[in-house]
Amino acid sequence: MKHRTLEEVTKIAAIEPVANKEESPRRARLERLAQILSAHSGRIRLFSMMEYVPVRERVKLRQDESPLSIAYRDPQFREQGLAGDRLGDAIEFFGLSMREAHHLFCDCNYSGAITPGAVASRARALSQKRTLAQMWRDLRQRFGWGR
């Protein structure tokens, strides 16, 4: 193997920078949601049986003292574009699927007392989950597809 300088290599090959490994907005926002919920000392209320509400109506769901109303009180979230405290606003802002939103915000997925810490724990777990879009982007990058 012959060693070459960067200048020599750029004449015969395209050099692209390694992808920036910055934290995704979804991950950062879900982590912040977890922090906000962990710090919340009051009661917390989740939606009940939201899976039975038609999707068109489900995205309009809101409730006082829900994780969504608590998140909407955060000025940083509003500055970043959180439009309101409705389920549809949260799905769009946090990049959630309907299934993820149900897992996080519906009371049928919790046993025992629902605490801010329990919801925060789920938000943290969701923040670590790689989305299908992220996996596809990584595959395309790894194999040079779509250049």
Protein backbone atom coordinates (compact mmCIF):
# COMPACT_ATOMS: atom_id res chain seq x y z
CA MET A 1 0.00 0.00 0.00
CA LYS A 2 1.35 3.37 -0.99
CA HIS A 3 0.88 6.21 1.47
CA ARG A 4 -0.42 9.45 -0.02
CA THR A 5 -1.11 12.92 1.29
CA LEU A 6 -4.62 14.28 1.55
CA GLU A 7 -3.95 16.57 -1.42
CA GLU A 8 -2.93 13.61 -3.58
CA VAL A 9 -5.95 11.59 -2.59
CA THR A 10 -8.42 14.42 -3.29
CA LYS A 11 -7.23 14.48 -6.91
CA ILE A 12 -8.32 10.88 -7.48
CA ALA A 13 -11.15 10.34 -4.97
CA ALA A 14 -14.09 12.21 -3.54
CA ILE A 15 -13.62 12.84 0.15
CA GLU A 16 -16.66 13.46 2.29
CA PRO A 17 -16.65 14.41 5.95
CA VAL A 18 -17.85 11.86 8.45
CA ALA A 19 -21.46 12.48 9.40
CA ASN A 20 -21.93 14.76 12.35
CA LYS A 21 -22.92 12.65 15.33
CA GLU A 22 -24.91 15.47 16.94
CA GLU A 23 -27.79 14.48 19.10
CA SER A 24 -31.02 14.30 17.12
CA PRO A 25 -33.75 16.81 17.97
CA ARG A 26 -36.04 13.90 18.90
CA ARG A 27 -33.54 12.50 21.39
CA ALA A 28 -32.73 15.88 22.92
CA ARG A 29 -36.40 16.82 23.24
CA LEU A 30 -37.40 13.52 24.83
CA GLU A 31 -34.47 13.79 27.27
CA ARG A 32 -35.59 17.30 28.21
CA LEU A 33 -39.16 16.07 28.63
CA ALA A 34 -37.86 13.40 31.00
CA GLN A 35 -35.95 16.04 33.00
CA ILE A 36 -39.01 18.29 33.22
CA LEU A 37 -41.25 15.43 34.32
CA SER A 38 -38.69 14.19 36.87
CA ALA A 39 -38.61 17.67 38.41
CA HIS A 40 -42.42 17.93 38.49
CA SER A 41 -43.65 17.61 42.06
CA GLY A 42 -47.40 17.74 41.47
CA ARG A 43 -49.78 15.11 40.25
CA ILE A 44 -49.76 13.86 36.70
CA ARG A 45 -52.70 12.70 34.63
CA LEU A 46 -52.58 10.50 31.57
CA PHE A 47 -55.15 9.85 28.87
CA SER A 48 -57.47 6.93 29.43
CA MET A 49 -58.24 4.41 26.67
CA MET A 50 -56.97 6.79 23.99
CA GLU A 51 -56.63 3.90 21.54
CA TYR A 52 -60.43 3.77 21.24
CA VAL A 53 -60.70 7.40 20.14
CA PRO A 54 -60.70 7.83 16.34
CA VAL A 55 -57.32 9.14 15.14
CA ARG A 56 -58.90 12.35 13.81
CA GLU A 57 -60.12 13.11 17.34
CA ARG A 58 -57.18 11.52 19.16
CA VAL A 59 -54.71 14.12 17.92
CA LYS A 60 -56.92 16.80 19.53
CA LEU A 61 -56.80 15.20 23.00
CA ARG A 62 -55.57 17.38 25.82
CA GLN A 63 -55.77 17.23 29.60
CA ASP A 64 -54.71 19.48 32.45
CA GLU A 65 -51.68 18.21 34.37
CA SER A 66 -50.81 15.77 31.60
CA PRO A 67 -47.17 15.36 30.55
CA LEU A 68 -48.14 17.44 27.50
CA SER A 69 -49.48 20.39 29.49
CA ILE A 70 -46.41 20.21 31.74
CA ALA A 71 -44.13 20.20 28.68
CA TYR A 72 -45.99 23.11 27.11
CA ARG A 73 -45.24 25.27 30.17
CA ASP A 74 -41.54 25.03 29.30
CA PRO A 75 -40.43 28.20 27.46
CA GLN A 76 -37.62 26.35 25.67
CA PHE A 77 -40.06 23.87 24.14
CA ARG A 78 -42.35 26.66 23.00
CA GLU A 79 -39.38 28.51 21.52
CA GLN A 80 -38.37 25.34 19.63
CA GLY A 81 -41.84 25.07 18.14
CA LEU A 82 -44.10 23.09 20.48
CA ALA A 83 -47.44 24.44 19.23
CA GLY A 84 -49.68 23.37 22.11
CA ASP A 85 -50.51 20.74 24.68
CA ARG A 86 -52.60 18.50 22.44
CA LEU A 87 -51.52 14.98 21.57
CA GLY A 88 -51.02 15.87 17.90
CA ASP A 89 -48.71 18.75 18.86
CA ALA A 90 -46.58 16.37 20.94
CA ILE A 91 -46.48 13.68 18.24
CA GLU A 92 -45.18 16.19 15.73
CA PHE A 93 -42.77 18.00 18.08
CA PHE A 94 -41.20 14.92 19.68
CA GLY A 95 -41.24 12.86 16.47
CA LEU A 96 -43.40 10.11 17.96
CA SER A 97 -45.39 7.43 16.23
CA MET A 98 -48.97 6.98 17.42
CA ARG A 99 -47.87 3.73 19.06
CA GLU A 100 -45.05 5.48 20.96
CA ALA A 101 -47.42 8.26 22.04
CA HIS A 102 -49.89 5.66 23.31
CA HIS A 103 -47.15 3.85 25.24
CA LEU A 104 -46.01 7.09 26.84
CA PHE A 105 -49.22 9.03 27.46
CA CYS A 106 -52.02 6.45 27.99
CA ASP A 107 -52.78 5.10 31.47
CA CYS A 108 -53.47 1.57 30.20
CA ASN A 109 -49.72 1.01 29.87
CA TYR A 110 -48.89 1.64 33.52
CA SER A 111 -49.60 -0.48 36.56
CA GLY A 112 -50.05 0.97 40.00
CA ALA A 113 -49.68 4.65 40.77
CA ILE A 114 -48.71 6.84 37.85
CA THR A 115 -45.89 9.15 38.88
CA PRO A 116 -43.99 11.81 36.96
CA GLY A 117 -40.88 9.68 37.45
CA ALA A 118 -42.47 6.66 35.77
CA VAL A 119 -43.45 8.71 32.72
CA ALA A 120 -39.99 10.34 32.69
CA SER A 121 -38.39 6.90 32.69
CA ARG A 122 -40.40 5.92 29.61
CA ALA A 123 -39.51 9.18 27.87
CA ARG A 124 -35.81 8.47 28.52
CA ALA A 125 -36.15 4.95 27.14
CA LEU A 126 -37.88 6.30 24.03
CA SER A 127 -35.12 8.86 23.56
CA GLN A 128 -32.58 6.04 23.25
CA LYS A 129 -34.63 4.12 20.70
CA ARG A 130 -33.42 4.50 17.12
CA THR A 131 -36.17 5.29 14.66
CA LEU A 132 -36.59 3.50 11.36
CA ALA A 133 -35.61 6.73 9.59
CA GLN A 134 -32.35 6.88 11.57
CA MET A 135 -31.54 3.24 10.78
CA TRP A 136 -32.26 3.78 7.07
CA ARG A 137 -30.08 6.92 6.99
CA ASP A 138 -27.22 5.02 8.66
CA LEU A 139 -27.51 2.16 6.16
CA ARG A 140 -27.49 4.56 3.23
CA GLN A 141 -24.41 6.27 4.65
CA ARG A 142 -22.60 3.04 5.36
CA PHE A 143 -23.09 1.62 1.88
CA GLY A 144 -22.95 4.89 -0.04
CA TRP A 145 -26.48 4.60 -1.40
CA GLY A 146 -28.10 7.72 -2.82
CA ARG A 147 -24.97 9.73 -3.53
